[in-house]
């Protein structure tokens, strides 16, 4: 699901732009006011919102991973990683 939603967002965006351009050249087709367009707009909005939530969540997880790695490296550099030198 996480991999499908961004692709759906791209397809729905392309459809919306296509309807917009066609509607500008031929207003009698009424793409921007038809029920099909309203459905595409709604689906696009939902997919865009879901994609945004996934991206925000992924960014937070990545920041957490970086912080944990940074703390781990700092502990290792300080020598407080829990290991002791047997030669001391």
Protein backbone atom coordinates (compact mmCIF):
# COMPACT_ATOMS: atom_id res chain seq x y z
CA UNK A 1 0.00 0.00 0.00
CA UNK A 2 2.80 2.39 0.92
CA UNK A 3 4.38 1.96 -2.52
CA UNK A 4 1.12 2.17 -4.50
CA UNK A 5 -0.25 5.45 -3.09
CA UNK A 6 2.51 7.73 -4.52
CA UNK A 7 2.02 6.18 -7.96
CA UNK A 8 -1.74 6.70 -7.73
CA UNK A 9 -1.10 10.31 -6.77
CA UNK A 10 1.03 10.83 -9.88
CA UNK A 11 -1.59 9.24 -12.15
CA UNK A 12 -4.45 11.23 -10.63
CA UNK A 13 -2.42 14.44 -10.89
CA UNK A 14 -1.75 13.74 -14.57
CA UNK A 15 -5.45 13.09 -15.14
CA UNK A 16 -6.38 16.33 -13.38
CA UNK A 17 -3.92 18.34 -15.46
CA UNK A 18 -5.14 16.65 -18.64
CA UNK A 19 -8.76 17.49 -17.80
CA UNK A 20 -7.74 21.06 -17.07
CA UNK A 21 -5.93 21.51 -20.40
CA UNK A 22 -8.68 19.84 -22.42
CA UNK A 23 -11.29 21.95 -20.65
CA UNK A 24 -9.39 25.13 -21.57
CA UNK A 25 -9.40 24.18 -25.27
CA UNK A 26 -12.94 22.78 -25.39
CA UNK A 27 -15.19 24.14 -22.67
CA UNK A 28 -18.20 22.23 -24.02
CA UNK A 29 -16.73 18.92 -22.86
CA UNK A 30 -17.11 20.24 -19.30
CA UNK A 31 -14.34 18.10 -17.83
CA UNK A 32 -13.83 20.35 -14.84
CA UNK A 33 -17.49 20.20 -13.82
CA UNK A 34 -18.34 16.57 -14.61
CA UNK A 35 -18.93 13.93 -11.94
CA UNK A 36 -15.90 12.01 -13.19
CA UNK A 37 -13.67 15.02 -12.54
CA UNK A 38 -15.11 15.48 -9.08
CA UNK A 39 -14.32 11.84 -8.30
CA UNK A 40 -10.77 12.22 -9.62
CA UNK A 41 -10.29 15.40 -7.56
CA UNK A 42 -11.49 13.66 -4.41
CA UNK A 43 -9.27 10.62 -5.03
CA UNK A 44 -6.32 12.88 -5.74
CA UNK A 45 -6.85 14.77 -2.49
CA UNK A 46 -7.07 11.54 -0.47
CA UNK A 47 -3.97 10.04 -2.12
CA UNK A 48 -2.01 13.26 -1.65
CA UNK A 49 -2.93 13.38 2.05
CA UNK A 50 -1.94 9.74 2.60
CA UNK A 51 1.34 10.23 0.73
CA UNK A 52 2.10 13.29 2.84
CA UNK A 53 1.45 11.41 6.08
CA UNK A 54 3.71 8.55 4.96
CA UNK A 55 6.47 10.98 4.01
CA UNK A 56 6.26 12.90 7.28
CA UNK A 57 6.30 9.66 9.30
CA UNK A 58 9.26 8.36 7.30
CA UNK A 59 11.17 11.60 7.87
CA UNK A 60 10.61 11.36 11.64
CA UNK A 61 11.77 7.73 11.66
CA UNK A 62 14.88 8.68 9.69
CA UNK A 63 15.66 11.50 12.13
CA UNK A 64 15.30 9.07 15.04
CA UNK A 65 17.64 6.59 13.34
CA UNK A 66 20.24 9.30 12.76
CA UNK A 67 20.02 10.43 16.38
CA UNK A 68 20.44 6.87 17.67
CA UNK A 69 23.46 6.31 15.41
CA UNK A 70 24.94 9.60 16.54
CA UNK A 71 24.51 8.69 20.23
CA UNK A 72 25.98 5.23 19.64
CA UNK A 73 29.03 6.67 17.88
CA UNK A 74 29.44 9.22 20.66
CA UNK A 75 29.34 6.47 23.30
CA UNK A 76 31.92 4.47 21.38
CA UNK A 77 34.17 7.51 21.03
CA UNK A 78 33.87 8.23 24.76
CA UNK A 79 34.64 4.63 25.63
CA UNK A 80 31.33 4.19 27.44
CA UNK A 81 29.97 1.51 25.17
CA UNK A 82 29.98 -1.06 27.95
CA UNK A 83 33.21 -2.81 26.99
CA UNK A 84 36.27 -2.70 29.20
CA UNK A 85 39.90 -3.11 28.30
CA UNK A 86 41.25 -6.29 29.94
CA UNK A 87 44.84 -4.97 29.88
CA UNK A 88 44.17 -2.20 32.40
